[in-house]
Amino acid sequence: MTYEESLKRLEEIVLKLESGEASLEESIELFREGSSLAADCKKTLEDAKLRVKTISEEQNG
């Protein structure tokens, strides 16, 4: 799943949880999925930041 797909799914989860329409069990499962997606997105952003920093340092000598 791409970063953009993960972010979109995370937004869907937040909307569903905020709506209050999910059962307790469904809410727990959505929260678990959302937590995992948030961690994946954070790691992707950290990796991108490191790559940009490396590229910048290489170009600046």
PDB file of N, CA and C in Angstrom:
ATOM      1  N   MET A   1       0.847  -1.175   0.000  1.00  0.00           N
ATOM      2  CA  MET A   1       0.000   0.000   0.000  1.00  0.00           C
ATOM      3  C   MET A   1       0.897   1.244   0.000  1.00  0.00           C
ATOM      4  N   THR A   2       0.580   2.178  -0.860  1.00  0.00           N
ATOM      5  CA  THR A   2       1.368   3.407  -0.934  1.00  0.00           C
ATOM      6  C   THR A   2       1.041   4.307   0.259  1.00  0.00           C
ATOM      7  N   TYR A   3       1.880   5.312   0.453  1.00  0.00           N
ATOM      8  CA  TYR A   3       1.648   6.289   1.520  1.00  0.00           C
ATOM      9  C   TYR A   3       0.281   6.950   1.339  1.00  0.00           C
ATOM     10  N   GLU A   4      -0.009   7.327   0.116  1.00  0.00           N
ATOM     11  CA  GLU A   4      -1.270   8.015  -0.166  1.00  0.00           C
ATOM     12  C   GLU A   4      -2.469   7.114   0.118  1.00  0.00           C
ATOM     13  N   GLU A   5      -2.370   5.839  -0.255  1.00  0.00           N
ATOM     14  CA  GLU A   5      -3.452   4.890   0.011  1.00  0.00           C
ATOM     15  C   GLU A   5      -3.634   4.686   1.513  1.00  0.00           C
ATOM     16  N   SER A   6      -2.517   4.576   2.223  1.00  0.00           N
ATOM     17  CA  SER A   6      -2.581   4.406   3.677  1.00  0.00           C
ATOM     18  C   SER A   6      -3.221   5.622   4.335  1.00  0.00           C
ATOM     19  N   LEU A   7      -2.851   6.797   3.896  1.00  0.00           N
ATOM     20  CA  LEU A   7      -3.399   8.023   4.460  1.00  0.00           C
ATOM     21  C   LEU A   7      -4.900   8.122   4.186  1.00  0.00           C
ATOM     22  N   LYS A   8      -5.316   7.757   2.985  1.00  0.00           N
ATOM     23  CA  LYS A   8      -6.735   7.785   2.639  1.00  0.00           C
ATOM     24  C   LYS A   8      -7.515   6.811   3.516  1.00  0.00           C
ATOM     25  N   ARG A   9      -6.987   5.610   3.696  1.00  0.00           N
ATOM     26  CA  ARG A   9      -7.658   4.616   4.541  1.00  0.00           C
ATOM     27  C   ARG A   9      -7.723   5.108   5.982  1.00  0.00           C
ATOM     28  N   LEU A  10      -6.653   5.723   6.446  1.00  0.00           N
ATOM     29  CA  LEU A  10      -6.626   6.256   7.800  1.00  0.00           C
ATOM     30  C   LEU A  10      -7.709   7.332   7.972  1.00  0.00           C
ATOM     31  N   GLU A  11      -7.870   8.173   6.990  1.00  0.00           N
ATOM     32  CA  GLU A  11      -8.923   9.199   7.038  1.00  0.00           C
ATOM     33  C   GLU A  11     -10.313   8.558   7.083  1.00  0.00           C
ATOM     34  N   GLU A  12     -10.505   7.484   6.317  1.00  0.00           N
ATOM     35  CA  GLU A  12     -11.779   6.769   6.329  1.00  0.00           C
ATOM     36  C   GLU A  12     -12.062   6.193   7.714  1.00  0.00           C
ATOM     37  N   ILE A  13     -11.033   5.640   8.329  1.00  0.00           N
ATOM     38  CA  ILE A  13     -11.174   5.054   9.661  1.00  0.00           C
ATOM     39  C   ILE A  13     -11.562   6.128  10.674  1.00  0.00           C
ATOM     40  N   VAL A  14     -10.886   7.256  10.625  1.00  0.00           N
ATOM     41  CA  VAL A  14     -11.178   8.349  11.558  1.00  0.00           C
ATOM     42  C   VAL A  14     -12.634   8.800  11.407  1.00  0.00           C
ATOM     43  N   LEU A  15     -13.074   8.968  10.170  1.00  0.00           N
ATOM     44  CA  LEU A  15     -14.460   9.392   9.944  1.00  0.00           C
ATOM     45  C   LEU A  15     -15.452   8.378  10.494  1.00  0.00           C
ATOM     46  N   LYS A  16     -15.178   7.108  10.287  1.00  0.00           N
ATOM     47  CA  LYS A  16     -16.077   6.052  10.774  1.00  0.00           C
ATOM     48  C   LYS A  16     -16.106   6.047  12.298  1.00  0.00           C
ATOM     49  N   LEU A  17     -14.931   6.174  12.928  1.00  0.00           N
ATOM     50  CA  LEU A  17     -14.894   6.187  14.386  1.00  0.00           C
ATOM     51  C   LEU A  17     -15.587   7.427  14.946  1.00  0.00           C
ATOM     52  N   GLU A  18     -15.380   8.569  14.306  1.00  0.00           N
ATOM     53  CA  GLU A  18     -16.002   9.809  14.785  1.00  0.00           C
ATOM     54  C   GLU A  18     -17.517   9.805  14.608  1.00  0.00           C
ATOM     55  N   SER A  19     -18.001   9.041  13.646  1.00  0.00           N
ATOM     56  CA  SER A  19     -19.443   9.002  13.392  1.00  0.00           C
ATOM     57  C   SER A  19     -20.204   8.307  14.518  1.00  0.00           C
ATOM     58  N   GLY A  20     -19.518   7.430  15.247  1.00  0.00           N
ATOM     59  CA  GLY A  20     -20.163   6.704  16.331  1.00  0.00           C
ATOM     60  C   GLY A  20     -21.038   5.565  15.856  1.00  0.00           C
ATOM     61  N   GLU A  21     -20.995   5.237  14.575  1.00  0.00           N
ATOM     62  CA  GLU A  21     -21.852   4.195  14.016  1.00  0.00           C
ATOM     63  C   GLU A  21     -21.286   2.789  14.163  1.00  0.00           C
ATOM     64  N   ALA A  22     -20.002   2.671  14.454  1.00  0.00           N
ATOM     65  CA  ALA A  22     -19.374   1.359  14.556  1.00  0.00           C
ATOM     66  C   ALA A  22     -19.670   0.741  15.918  1.00  0.00           C
ATOM     67  N   SER A  23     -19.797  -0.583  15.919  1.00  0.00           N
ATOM     68  CA  SER A  23     -19.964  -1.292  17.187  1.00  0.00           C
ATOM     69  C   SER A  23     -18.653  -1.221  17.970  1.00  0.00           C
ATOM     70  N   LEU A  24     -18.696  -1.642  19.211  1.00  0.00           N
ATOM     71  CA  LEU A  24     -17.489  -1.629  20.037  1.00  0.00           C
ATOM     72  C   LEU A  24     -16.402  -2.497  19.411  1.00  0.00           C
ATOM     73  N   GLU A  25     -16.758  -3.696  18.996  1.00  0.00           N
ATOM     74  CA  GLU A  25     -15.771  -4.600  18.393  1.00  0.00           C
ATOM     75  C   GLU A  25     -15.200  -4.028  17.100  1.00  0.00           C
ATOM     76  N   GLU A  26     -16.070  -3.467  16.280  1.00  0.00           N
ATOM     77  CA  GLU A  26     -15.609  -2.861  15.030  1.00  0.00           C
ATOM     78  C   GLU A  26     -14.714  -1.654  15.317  1.00  0.00           C
ATOM     79  N   SER A  27     -15.082  -0.877  16.317  1.00  0.00           N
ATOM     80  CA  SER A  27     -14.269   0.281  16.698  1.00  0.00           C
ATOM     81  C   SER A  27     -12.876  -0.135  17.146  1.00  0.00           C
ATOM     82  N   ILE A  28     -12.812  -1.197  17.920  1.00  0.00           N
ATOM     83  CA  ILE A  28     -11.514  -1.690  18.382  1.00  0.00           C
ATOM     84  C   ILE A  28     -10.672  -2.142  17.194  1.00  0.00           C
ATOM     85  N   GLU A  29     -11.281  -2.859  16.265  1.00  0.00           N
ATOM     86  CA  GLU A  29     -10.548  -3.325  15.089  1.00  0.00           C
ATOM     87  C   GLU A  29     -10.111  -2.147  14.217  1.00  0.00           C
ATOM     88  N   LEU A  30     -10.977  -1.168  14.046  1.00  0.00           N
ATOM     89  CA  LEU A  30     -10.619   0.026  13.275  1.00  0.00           C
ATOM     90  C   LEU A  30      -9.484   0.783  13.953  1.00  0.00           C
ATOM     91  N   PHE A  31      -9.531   0.875  15.273  1.00  0.00           N
ATOM     92  CA  PHE A  31      -8.469   1.551  16.007  1.00  0.00           C
ATOM     93  C   PHE A  31      -7.138   0.822  15.820  1.00  0.00           C
ATOM     94  N   ARG A  32      -7.171  -0.506  15.864  1.00  0.00           N
ATOM     95  CA  ARG A  32      -5.960  -1.302  15.651  1.00  0.00           C
ATOM     96  C   ARG A  32      -5.405  -1.054  14.259  1.00  0.00           C
ATOM     97  N   GLU A  33      -6.277  -1.112  13.256  1.00  0.00           N
ATOM     98  CA  GLU A  33      -5.843  -0.880  11.877  1.00  0.00           C
ATOM     99  C   GLU A  33      -5.303   0.541  11.716  1.00  0.00           C
ATOM    100  N   GLY A  34      -6.000   1.509  12.294  1.00  0.00           N
ATOM    101  CA  GLY A  34      -5.566   2.895  12.201  1.00  0.00           C
ATOM    102  C   GLY A  34      -4.215   3.127  12.859  1.00  0.00           C
ATOM    103  N   SER A  35      -3.999   2.511  14.003  1.00  0.00           N
ATOM    104  CA  SER A  35      -2.711   2.642  14.694  1.00  0.00           C
ATOM    105  C   SER A  35      -1.578   2.088  13.849  1.00  0.00           C
ATOM    106  N   SER A  36      -1.827   0.965  13.221  1.00  0.00           N
ATOM    107  CA  SER A  36      -0.825   0.345  12.357  1.00  0.00           C
ATOM    108  C   SER A  36      -0.542   1.222  11.133  1.00  0.00           C
ATOM    109  N   LEU A  37      -1.586   1.741  10.526  1.00  0.00           N
ATOM    110  CA  LEU A  37      -1.419   2.615   9.368  1.00  0.00           C
ATOM    111  C   LEU A  37      -0.674   3.896   9.741  1.00  0.00           C
ATOM    112  N   ALA A  38      -0.994   4.459  10.891  1.00  0.00           N
ATOM    113  CA  ALA A  38      -0.328   5.680  11.338  1.00  0.00           C
ATOM    114  C   ALA A  38       1.168   5.419  11.544  1.00  0.00           C
ATOM    115  N   ALA A  39       1.505   4.281  12.120  1.00  0.00           N
ATOM    116  CA  ALA A  39       2.914   3.932  12.319  1.00  0.00           C
ATOM    117  C   ALA A  39       3.620   3.756  10.977  1.00  0.00           C
ATOM    118  N   ASP A  40       2.951   3.104  10.033  1.00  0.00           N
ATOM    119  CA  ASP A  40       3.526   2.925   8.695  1.00  0.00           C
ATOM    120  C   ASP A  40       3.753   4.268   8.004  1.00  0.00           C
ATOM    121  N   CYS A  41       2.779   5.171   8.111  1.00  0.00           N
ATOM    122  CA  CYS A  41       2.913   6.492   7.492  1.00  0.00           C
ATOM    123  C   CYS A  41       4.062   7.270   8.127  1.00  0.00           C
ATOM    124  N   LYS A  42       4.177   7.195   9.429  1.00  0.00           N
ATOM    125  CA  LYS A  42       5.258   7.887  10.129  1.00  0.00           C
ATOM    126  C   LYS A  42       6.610   7.378   9.661  1.00  0.00           C
ATOM    127  N   LYS A  43       6.743   6.062   9.549  1.00  0.00           N
ATOM    128  CA  LYS A  43       8.009   5.479   9.097  1.00  0.00           C
ATOM    129  C   LYS A  43       8.317   5.903   7.667  1.00  0.00           C
ATOM    130  N   THR A  44       7.316   5.906   6.811  1.00  0.00           N
ATOM    131  CA  THR A  44       7.509   6.322   5.424  1.00  0.00           C
ATOM    132  C   THR A  44       8.004   7.763   5.363  1.00  0.00           C
ATOM    133  N   LEU A  45       7.404   8.645   6.164  1.00  0.00           N
ATOM    134  CA  LEU A  45       7.829  10.044   6.181  1.00  0.00           C
ATOM    135  C   LEU A  45       9.246  10.208   6.732  1.00  0.00           C
ATOM    136  N   GLU A  46       9.568   9.445   7.772  1.00  0.00           N
ATOM    137  CA  GLU A  46      10.922   9.505   8.331  1.00  0.00           C
ATOM    138  C   GLU A  46      11.956   9.035   7.309  1.00  0.00           C
ATOM    139  N   ASP A  47      11.626   7.953   6.589  1.00  0.00           N
ATOM    140  CA  ASP A  47      12.527   7.443   5.549  1.00  0.00           C
ATOM    141  C   ASP A  47      12.709   8.471   4.439  1.00  0.00           C
ATOM    142  N   ALA A  48      11.626   9.119   4.036  1.00  0.00           N
ATOM    143  CA  ALA A  48      11.706  10.142   2.981  1.00  0.00           C
ATOM    144  C   ALA A  48      12.554  11.318   3.437  1.00  0.00           C
ATOM    145  N   LYS A  49      12.369  11.729   4.676  1.00  0.00           N
ATOM    146  CA  LYS A  49      13.158  12.836   5.219  1.00  0.00           C
ATOM    147  C   LYS A  49      14.645  12.502   5.199  1.00  0.00           C
ATOM    148  N   LEU A  50      14.984  11.282   5.579  1.00  0.00           N
ATOM    149  CA  LEU A  50      16.380  10.853   5.576  1.00  0.00           C
ATOM    150  C   LEU A  50      16.945  10.826   4.157  1.00  0.00           C
ATOM    151  N   ARG A  51      16.150  10.347   3.206  1.00  0.00           N
ATOM    152  CA  ARG A  51      16.609  10.319   1.817  1.00  0.00           C
ATOM    153  C   ARG A  51      16.856  11.721   1.280  1.00  0.00           C
ATOM    154  N   VAL A  52      15.945  12.656   1.593  1.00  0.00           N
ATOM    155  CA  VAL A  52      16.110  14.043   1.144  1.00  0.00           C
ATOM    156  C   VAL A  52      17.356  14.653   1.780  1.00  0.00           C
ATOM    157  N   LYS A  53      17.563  14.390   3.054  1.00  0.00           N
ATOM    158  CA  LYS A  53      18.748  14.905   3.749  1.00  0.00           C
ATOM    159  C   LYS A  53      20.023  14.360   3.107  1.00  0.00           C
ATOM    160  N   THR A  54      20.039  13.071   2.806  1.00  0.00           N
ATOM    161  CA  THR A  54      21.201  12.447   2.173  1.00  0.00           C
ATOM    162  C   THR A  54      21.478  13.059   0.810  1.00  0.00           C
ATOM    163  N   ILE A  55      20.441  13.250   0.009  1.00  0.00           N
ATOM    164  CA  ILE A  55      20.593  13.845  -1.315  1.00  0.00           C
ATOM    165  C   ILE A  55      21.136  15.267  -1.187  1.00  0.00           C
ATOM    166  N   SER A  56      20.582  16.030  -0.270  1.00  0.00           N
ATOM    167  CA  SER A  56      21.029  17.412  -0.067  1.00  0.00           C
ATOM    168  C   SER A  56      22.500  17.467   0.339  1.00  0.00           C
ATOM    169  N   GLU A  57      22.890  16.584   1.238  1.00  0.00           N
ATOM    170  CA  GLU A  57      24.292  16.552   1.681  1.00  0.00           C
ATOM    171  C   GLU A  57      25.217  16.153   0.558  1.00  0.00           C
ATOM    172  N   GLU A  58      24.802  15.228  -0.296  1.00  0.00           N
ATOM    173  CA  GLU A  58      25.627  14.809  -1.438  1.00  0.00           C
ATOM    174  C   GLU A  58      25.813  15.954  -2.417  1.00  0.00           C
ATOM    175  N   GLN A  59      24.744  16.717  -2.649  1.00  0.00           N
ATOM    176  CA  GLN A  59      24.824  17.816  -3.602  1.00  0.00           C
ATOM    177  C   GLN A  59      25.604  19.006  -3.065  1.00  0.00           C
ATOM    178  N   ASN A  60      25.614  19.155  -1.765  1.00  0.00           N
ATOM    179  CA  ASN A  60      26.310  20.297  -1.150  1.00  0.00           C
ATOM    180  C   ASN A  60      27.747  19.946  -0.762  1.00  0.00           C
ATOM    181  N   GLY A  61      28.112  18.715  -1.036  1.00  0.00           N
ATOM    182  CA  GLY A  61      29.490  18.300  -0.897  1.00  0.00           C
ATOM    183  C   GLY A  61      29.990  17.970   0.422  1.00  0.00           C
TER     184      GLY A  61
END
